[in-house]
Amino acid sequence: MTQLPADPEGMNDERAVWGRTAIEVFQDVTGSDDGDALGDLLSDLMHLCDRTDAYGAFDEMLRRARMHYRDETAV
């Protein structure tokens, strides 16, 4: 079993469930299979960011996501 990173707030299992729920909804809408769903979803989010400034540039949002992940897994 893979060793999970630290979870100082005790929320990372729930965060993973939220992510899985987003992927399941995406798969229901698109028919994407398990092996492609995450990559397809990320690609579609890149297209969304190209077409609207409501969410910001994808690369900036990815940088922000990595920062949040580091904060959520820091001891």
PDB file of N, CA and C in Angstrom:
ATOM      1  N   MET A   1       0.847  -1.187   0.000  1.00  0.00           N
ATOM      2  CA  MET A   1       0.000   0.000   0.000  1.00  0.00           C
ATOM      3  C   MET A   1       0.889   1.247   0.000  1.00  0.00           C
ATOM      4  N   THR A   2       0.478   2.258  -0.726  1.00  0.00           N
ATOM      5  CA  THR A   2       1.223   3.499  -0.818  1.00  0.00           C
ATOM      6  C   THR A   2       1.118   4.278   0.485  1.00  0.00           C
ATOM      7  N   GLN A   3       2.233   4.796   0.939  1.00  0.00           N
ATOM      8  CA  GLN A   3       2.225   5.643   2.137  1.00  0.00           C
ATOM      9  C   GLN A   3       1.642   7.009   1.770  1.00  0.00           C
ATOM     10  N   LEU A   4       0.628   7.419   2.484  1.00  0.00           N
ATOM     11  CA  LEU A   4      -0.011   8.709   2.221  1.00  0.00           C
ATOM     12  C   LEU A   4       0.779   9.834   2.885  1.00  0.00           C
ATOM     13  N   PRO A   5       0.718  11.031   2.300  1.00  0.00           N
ATOM     14  CA  PRO A   5       1.369  12.169   2.935  1.00  0.00           C
ATOM     15  C   PRO A   5       0.645  12.563   4.217  1.00  0.00           C
ATOM     16  N   ALA A   6       1.269  13.429   4.964  1.00  0.00           N
ATOM     17  CA  ALA A   6       0.676  13.917   6.217  1.00  0.00           C
ATOM     18  C   ALA A   6      -0.701  14.524   5.952  1.00  0.00           C
ATOM     19  N   ASP A   7      -1.531  14.509   6.981  1.00  0.00           N
ATOM     20  CA  ASP A   7      -2.893  15.048   6.893  1.00  0.00           C
ATOM     21  C   ASP A   7      -3.187  15.832   8.177  1.00  0.00           C
ATOM     22  N   PRO A   8      -2.542  16.992   8.339  1.00  0.00           N
ATOM     23  CA  PRO A   8      -2.636  17.702   9.615  1.00  0.00           C
ATOM     24  C   PRO A   8      -4.047  18.154   9.998  1.00  0.00           C
ATOM     25  N   GLU A   9      -4.907  18.385   9.003  1.00  0.00           N
ATOM     26  CA  GLU A   9      -6.270  18.823   9.302  1.00  0.00           C
ATOM     27  C   GLU A   9      -7.265  17.661   9.361  1.00  0.00           C
ATOM     28  N   GLY A  10      -6.805  16.464   9.004  1.00  0.00           N
ATOM     29  CA  GLY A  10      -7.701  15.315   8.985  1.00  0.00           C
ATOM     30  C   GLY A  10      -8.774  15.411   7.910  1.00  0.00           C
ATOM     31  N   MET A  11      -8.466  16.094   6.807  1.00  0.00           N
ATOM     32  CA  MET A  11      -9.461  16.347   5.753  1.00  0.00           C
ATOM     33  C   MET A  11      -9.116  15.692   4.415  1.00  0.00           C
ATOM     34  N   ASN A  12      -7.946  15.094   4.280  1.00  0.00           N
ATOM     35  CA  ASN A  12      -7.510  14.670   2.959  1.00  0.00           C
ATOM     36  C   ASN A  12      -8.280  13.486   2.400  1.00  0.00           C
ATOM     37  N   ASP A  13      -8.798  12.601   3.252  1.00  0.00           N
ATOM     38  CA  ASP A  13      -9.685  11.550   2.750  1.00  0.00           C
ATOM     39  C   ASP A  13     -10.929  12.165   2.130  1.00  0.00           C
ATOM     40  N   GLU A  14     -11.502  13.150   2.797  1.00  0.00           N
ATOM     41  CA  GLU A  14     -12.691  13.823   2.263  1.00  0.00           C
ATOM     42  C   GLU A  14     -12.368  14.574   0.977  1.00  0.00           C
ATOM     43  N   ARG A  15     -11.214  15.229   0.939  1.00  0.00           N
ATOM     44  CA  ARG A  15     -10.795  15.927  -0.286  1.00  0.00           C
ATOM     45  C   ARG A  15     -10.662  14.952  -1.446  1.00  0.00           C
ATOM     46  N   ALA A  16     -10.126  13.770  -1.181  1.00  0.00           N
ATOM     47  CA  ALA A  16     -10.008  12.746  -2.223  1.00  0.00           C
ATOM     48  C   ALA A  16     -11.387  12.309  -2.710  1.00  0.00           C
ATOM     49  N   VAL A  17     -12.344  12.194  -1.810  1.00  0.00           N
ATOM     50  CA  VAL A  17     -13.711  11.840  -2.197  1.00  0.00           C
ATOM     51  C   VAL A  17     -14.293  12.928  -3.096  1.00  0.00           C
ATOM     52  N   TRP A  18     -14.057  14.185  -2.775  1.00  0.00           N
ATOM     53  CA  TRP A  18     -14.545  15.278  -3.624  1.00  0.00           C
ATOM     54  C   TRP A  18     -13.955  15.172  -5.028  1.00  0.00           C
ATOM     55  N   GLY A  19     -12.668  14.886  -5.105  1.00  0.00           N
ATOM     56  CA  GLY A  19     -12.024  14.725  -6.404  1.00  0.00           C
ATOM     57  C   GLY A  19     -12.598  13.556  -7.173  1.00  0.00           C
ATOM     58  N   ARG A  20     -12.795  12.425  -6.488  1.00  0.00           N
ATOM     59  CA  ARG A  20     -13.371  11.255  -7.140  1.00  0.00           C
ATOM     60  C   ARG A  20     -14.781  11.540  -7.630  1.00  0.00           C
ATOM     61  N   THR A  21     -15.556  12.282  -6.851  1.00  0.00           N
ATOM     62  CA  THR A  21     -16.921  12.640  -7.261  1.00  0.00           C
ATOM     63  C   THR A  21     -16.893  13.476  -8.528  1.00  0.00           C
ATOM     64  N   ALA A  22     -15.977  14.437  -8.614  1.00  0.00           N
ATOM     65  CA  ALA A  22     -15.850  15.262  -9.816  1.00  0.00           C
ATOM     66  C   ALA A  22     -15.525  14.398 -11.035  1.00  0.00           C
ATOM     67  N   ILE A  23     -14.622  13.451 -10.866  1.00  0.00           N
ATOM     68  CA  ILE A  23     -14.262  12.574 -11.980  1.00  0.00           C
ATOM     69  C   ILE A  23     -15.440  11.680 -12.371  1.00  0.00           C
ATOM     70  N   GLU A  24     -16.178  11.168 -11.395  1.00  0.00           N
ATOM     71  CA  GLU A  24     -17.330  10.312 -11.704  1.00  0.00           C
ATOM     72  C   GLU A  24     -18.393  11.079 -12.484  1.00  0.00           C
ATOM     73  N   VAL A  25     -18.663  12.319 -12.085  1.00  0.00           N
ATOM     74  CA  VAL A  25     -19.637  13.141 -12.825  1.00  0.00           C
ATOM     75  C   VAL A  25     -19.126  13.375 -14.247  1.00  0.00           C
ATOM     76  N   PHE A  26     -17.830  13.700 -14.379  1.00  0.00           N
ATOM     77  CA  PHE A  26     -17.228  13.905 -15.692  1.00  0.00           C
ATOM     78  C   PHE A  26     -17.379  12.648 -16.551  1.00  0.00           C
ATOM     79  N   GLN A  27     -17.114  11.487 -15.965  1.00  0.00           N
ATOM     80  CA  GLN A  27     -17.241  10.235 -16.705  1.00  0.00           C
ATOM     81  C   GLN A  27     -18.686   9.968 -17.112  1.00  0.00           C
ATOM     82  N   ASP A  28     -19.632  10.291 -16.242  1.00  0.00           N
ATOM     83  CA  ASP A  28     -21.042  10.109 -16.579  1.00  0.00           C
ATOM     84  C   ASP A  28     -21.429  10.957 -17.789  1.00  0.00           C
ATOM     85  N   VAL A  29     -20.891  12.167 -17.863  1.00  0.00           N
ATOM     86  CA  VAL A  29     -21.222  13.089 -18.949  1.00  0.00           C
ATOM     87  C   VAL A  29     -20.488  12.723 -20.234  1.00  0.00           C
ATOM     88  N   THR A  30     -19.214  12.338 -20.132  1.00  0.00           N
ATOM     89  CA  THR A  30     -18.381  12.155 -21.323  1.00  0.00           C
ATOM     90  C   THR A  30     -18.183  10.712 -21.743  1.00  0.00           C
ATOM     91  N   GLY A  31     -18.373   9.770 -20.838  1.00  0.00           N
ATOM     92  CA  GLY A  31     -18.099   8.372 -21.132  1.00  0.00           C
ATOM     93  C   GLY A  31     -16.622   8.023 -21.068  1.00  0.00           C
ATOM     94  N   SER A  32     -15.803   8.930 -20.578  1.00  0.00           N
ATOM     95  CA  SER A  32     -14.369   8.687 -20.441  1.00  0.00           C
ATOM     96  C   SER A  32     -14.135   7.516 -19.489  1.00  0.00           C
ATOM     97  N   ASP A  33     -13.153   6.654 -19.831  1.00  0.00           N
ATOM     98  CA  ASP A  33     -12.896   5.506 -18.961  1.00  0.00           C
ATOM     99  C   ASP A  33     -11.923   5.874 -17.845  1.00  0.00           C
ATOM    100  N   ASP A  34     -11.772   4.963 -16.891  1.00  0.00           N
ATOM    101  CA  ASP A  34     -10.953   5.241 -15.708  1.00  0.00           C
ATOM    102  C   ASP A  34      -9.521   5.640 -16.056  1.00  0.00           C
ATOM    103  N   GLY A  35      -8.938   5.003 -17.048  1.00  0.00           N
ATOM    104  CA  GLY A  35      -7.552   5.289 -17.392  1.00  0.00           C
ATOM    105  C   GLY A  35      -7.330   6.651 -18.014  1.00  0.00           C
ATOM    106  N   ASP A  36      -8.388   7.216 -18.614  1.00  0.00           N
ATOM    107  CA  ASP A  36      -8.263   8.502 -19.305  1.00  0.00           C
ATOM    108  C   ASP A  36      -8.946   9.658 -18.594  1.00  0.00           C
ATOM    109  N   ALA A  37      -9.817   9.376 -17.640  1.00  0.00           N
ATOM    110  CA  ALA A  37     -10.705  10.399 -17.091  1.00  0.00           C
ATOM    111  C   ALA A  37      -9.963  11.594 -16.502  1.00  0.00           C
ATOM    112  N   LEU A  38      -8.964  11.371 -15.686  1.00  0.00           N
ATOM    113  CA  LEU A  38      -8.279  12.494 -15.051  1.00  0.00           C
ATOM    114  C   LEU A  38      -7.583  13.362 -16.093  1.00  0.00           C
ATOM    115  N   GLY A  39      -6.856  12.757 -17.013  1.00  0.00           N
ATOM    116  CA  GLY A  39      -6.191  13.520 -18.063  1.00  0.00           C
ATOM    117  C   GLY A  39      -7.181  14.260 -18.949  1.00  0.00           C
ATOM    118  N   ASP A  40      -8.292  13.594 -19.296  1.00  0.00           N
ATOM    119  CA  ASP A  40      -9.318  14.238 -20.117  1.00  0.00           C
ATOM    120  C   ASP A  40      -9.948  15.416 -19.393  1.00  0.00           C
ATOM    121  N   LEU A  41     -10.227  15.240 -18.111  1.00  0.00           N
ATOM    122  CA  LEU A  41     -10.815  16.321 -17.327  1.00  0.00           C
ATOM    123  C   LEU A  41      -9.857  17.508 -17.251  1.00  0.00           C
ATOM    124  N   LEU A  42      -8.594  17.241 -16.968  1.00  0.00           N
ATOM    125  CA  LEU A  42      -7.614  18.333 -16.902  1.00  0.00           C
ATOM    126  C   LEU A  42      -7.504  19.053 -18.246  1.00  0.00           C
ATOM    127  N   SER A  43      -7.491  18.295 -19.328  1.00  0.00           N
ATOM    128  CA  SER A  43      -7.429  18.894 -20.661  1.00  0.00           C
ATOM    129  C   SER A  43      -8.646  19.781 -20.916  1.00  0.00           C
ATOM    130  N   ASP A  44      -9.820  19.292 -20.555  1.00  0.00           N
ATOM    131  CA  ASP A  44     -11.035  20.093 -20.742  1.00  0.00           C
ATOM    132  C   ASP A  44     -11.022  21.342 -19.878  1.00  0.00           C
ATOM    133  N   LEU A  45     -10.459  21.254 -18.682  1.00  0.00           N
ATOM    134  CA  LEU A  45     -10.331  22.441 -17.838  1.00  0.00           C
ATOM    135  C   LEU A  45      -9.362  23.455 -18.455  1.00  0.00           C
ATOM    136  N   MET A  46      -8.330  22.955 -19.142  1.00  0.00           N
ATOM    137  CA  MET A  46      -7.434  23.858 -19.857  1.00  0.00           C
ATOM    138  C   MET A  46      -8.202  24.610 -20.952  1.00  0.00           C
ATOM    139  N   HIS A  47      -9.050  23.888 -21.690  1.00  0.00           N
ATOM    140  CA  HIS A  47      -9.876  24.535 -22.723  1.00  0.00           C
ATOM    141  C   HIS A  47     -10.803  25.577 -22.094  1.00  0.00           C
ATOM    142  N   LEU A  48     -11.369  25.256 -20.958  1.00  0.00           N
ATOM    143  CA  LEU A  48     -12.241  26.197 -20.260  1.00  0.00           C
ATOM    144  C   LEU A  48     -11.480  27.470 -19.898  1.00  0.00           C
ATOM    145  N   CYS A  49     -10.294  27.309 -19.345  1.00  0.00           N
ATOM    146  CA  CYS A  49      -9.498  28.483 -18.966  1.00  0.00           C
ATOM    147  C   CYS A  49      -9.112  29.318 -20.181  1.00  0.00           C
ATOM    148  N   ASP A  50      -8.913  28.676 -21.345  1.00  0.00           N
ATOM    149  CA  ASP A  50      -8.627  29.417 -22.574  1.00  0.00           C
ATOM    150  C   ASP A  50      -9.783  30.314 -22.970  1.00  0.00           C
ATOM    151  N   ARG A  51     -10.990  29.907 -22.608  1.00  0.00           N
ATOM    152  CA  ARG A  51     -12.183  30.563 -23.121  1.00  0.00           C
ATOM    153  C   ARG A  51     -12.859  31.510 -22.136  1.00  0.00           C
ATOM    154  N   THR A  52     -12.376  31.566 -20.932  1.00  0.00           N
ATOM    155  CA  THR A  52     -12.967  32.475 -19.945  1.00  0.00           C
ATOM    156  C   THR A  52     -11.897  32.925 -18.971  1.00  0.00           C
ATOM    157  N   ASP A  53     -12.037  34.126 -18.483  1.00  0.00           N
ATOM    158  CA  ASP A  53     -11.094  34.588 -17.458  1.00  0.00           C
ATOM    159  C   ASP A  53     -11.694  34.457 -16.061  1.00  0.00           C
ATOM    160  N   ALA A  54     -12.843  33.802 -15.967  1.00  0.00           N
ATOM    161  CA  ALA A  54     -13.508  33.646 -14.674  1.00  0.00           C
ATOM    162  C   ALA A  54     -12.686  32.801 -13.707  1.00  0.00           C
ATOM    163  N   TYR A  55     -11.865  31.881 -14.233  1.00  0.00           N
ATOM    164  CA  TYR A  55     -11.120  30.969 -13.380  1.00  0.00           C
ATOM    165  C   TYR A  55      -9.629  31.260 -13.373  1.00  0.00           C
ATOM    166  N   GLY A  56      -9.169  32.125 -14.234  1.00  0.00           N
ATOM    167  CA  GLY A  56      -7.752  32.435 -14.339  1.00  0.00           C
ATOM    168  C   GLY A  56      -7.058  31.505 -15.317  1.00  0.00           C
ATOM    169  N   ALA A  57      -5.791  31.759 -15.535  1.00  0.00           N
ATOM    170  CA  ALA A  57      -4.997  30.938 -16.442  1.00  0.00           C
ATOM    171  C   ALA A  57      -4.763  29.571 -15.813  1.00  0.00           C
ATOM    172  N   PHE A  58      -4.830  28.527 -16.628  1.00  0.00           N
ATOM    173  CA  PHE A  58      -4.691  27.169 -16.113  1.00  0.00           C
ATOM    174  C   PHE A  58      -3.371  26.976 -15.376  1.00  0.00           C
ATOM    175  N   ASP A  59      -2.273  27.435 -15.957  1.00  0.00           N
ATOM    176  CA  ASP A  59      -0.970  27.247 -15.307  1.00  0.00           C
ATOM    177  C   ASP A  59      -0.931  27.903 -13.929  1.00  0.00           C
ATOM    178  N   GLU A  60      -1.563  29.061 -13.806  1.00  0.00           N
ATOM    179  CA  GLU A  60      -1.619  29.736 -12.502  1.00  0.00           C
ATOM    180  C   GLU A  60      -2.481  28.937 -11.527  1.00  0.00           C
ATOM    181  N   MET A  61      -3.590  28.393 -12.007  1.00  0.00           N
ATOM    182  CA  MET A  61      -4.455  27.589 -11.142  1.00  0.00           C
ATOM    183  C   MET A  61      -3.750  26.300 -10.730  1.00  0.00           C
ATOM    184  N   LEU A  62      -2.964  25.722 -11.627  1.00  0.00           N
ATOM    185  CA  LEU A  62      -2.201  24.525 -11.286  1.00  0.00           C
ATOM    186  C   LEU A  62      -1.140  24.852 -10.235  1.00  0.00           C
ATOM    187  N   ARG A  63      -0.489  25.994 -10.373  1.00  0.00           N
ATOM    188  CA  ARG A  63       0.479  26.432  -9.366  1.00  0.00           C
ATOM    189  C   ARG A  63      -0.218  26.602  -8.020  1.00  0.00           C
ATOM    190  N   ARG A  64      -1.388  27.212  -8.040  1.00  0.00           N
ATOM    191  CA  ARG A  64      -2.153  27.413  -6.804  1.00  0.00           C
ATOM    192  C   ARG A  64      -2.578  26.076  -6.201  1.00  0.00           C
ATOM    193  N   ALA A  65      -2.998  25.139  -7.058  1.00  0.00           N
ATOM    194  CA  ALA A  65      -3.405  23.816  -6.576  1.00  0.00           C
ATOM    195  C   ALA A  65      -2.232  23.105  -5.905  1.00  0.00           C
ATOM    196  N   ARG A  66      -1.057  23.212  -6.507  1.00  0.00           N
ATOM    197  CA  ARG A  66       0.123  22.582  -5.896  1.00  0.00           C
ATOM    198  C   ARG A  66       0.443  23.208  -4.549  1.00  0.00           C
ATOM    199  N   MET A  67       0.283  24.519  -4.448  1.00  0.00           N
ATOM    200  CA  MET A  67       0.521  25.206  -3.181  1.00  0.00           C
ATOM    201  C   MET A  67      -0.488  24.723  -2.125  1.00  0.00           C
ATOM    202  N   HIS A  68      -1.753  24.613  -2.508  1.00  0.00           N
ATOM    203  CA  HIS A  68      -2.776  24.125  -1.566  1.00  0.00           C
ATOM    204  C   HIS A  68      -2.446  22.702  -1.124  1.00  0.00           C
ATOM    205  N   TYR A  69      -2.059  21.856  -2.084  1.00  0.00           N
ATOM    206  CA  TYR A  69      -1.723  20.472  -1.757  1.00  0.00           C
ATOM    207  C   TYR A  69      -0.556  20.422  -0.768  1.00  0.00           C
ATOM    208  N   ARG A  70       0.468  21.219  -1.021  1.00  0.00           N
ATOM    209  CA  ARG A  70       1.607  21.258  -0.080  1.00  0.00           C
ATOM    210  C   ARG A  70       1.144  21.686   1.310  1.00  0.00           C
ATOM    211  N   ASP A  71       0.278  22.710   1.368  1.00  0.00           N
ATOM    212  CA  ASP A  71      -0.224  23.174   2.667  1.00  0.00           C
ATOM    213  C   ASP A  71      -1.058  22.096   3.357  1.00  0.00           C
ATOM    214  N   GLU A  72      -1.839  21.361   2.574  1.00  0.00           N
ATOM    215  CA  GLU A  72      -2.731  20.344   3.135  1.00  0.00           C
ATOM    216  C   GLU A  72      -2.007  19.069   3.537  1.00  0.00           C
ATOM    217  N   THR A  73      -0.763  18.915   3.105  1.00  0.00           N
ATOM    218  CA  THR A  73      -0.010  17.712   3.438  1.00  0.00           C
ATOM    219  C   THR A  73       1.252  18.011   4.238  1.00  0.00           C
ATOM    220  N   ALA A  74       1.374  19.247   4.693  1.00  0.00           N
ATOM    221  CA  ALA A  74       2.564  19.636   5.474  1.00  0.00           C
ATOM    222  C   ALA A  74       2.371  19.255   6.928  1.00  0.00           C
ATOM    223  N   VAL A  75       3.460  18.892   7.547  1.00  0.00           N
ATOM    224  CA  VAL A  75       3.421  18.546   8.971  1.00  0.00           C
ATOM    225  C   VAL A  75       3.736  19.787   9.783  1.00  0.00           C
TER     226      VAL A  75
END
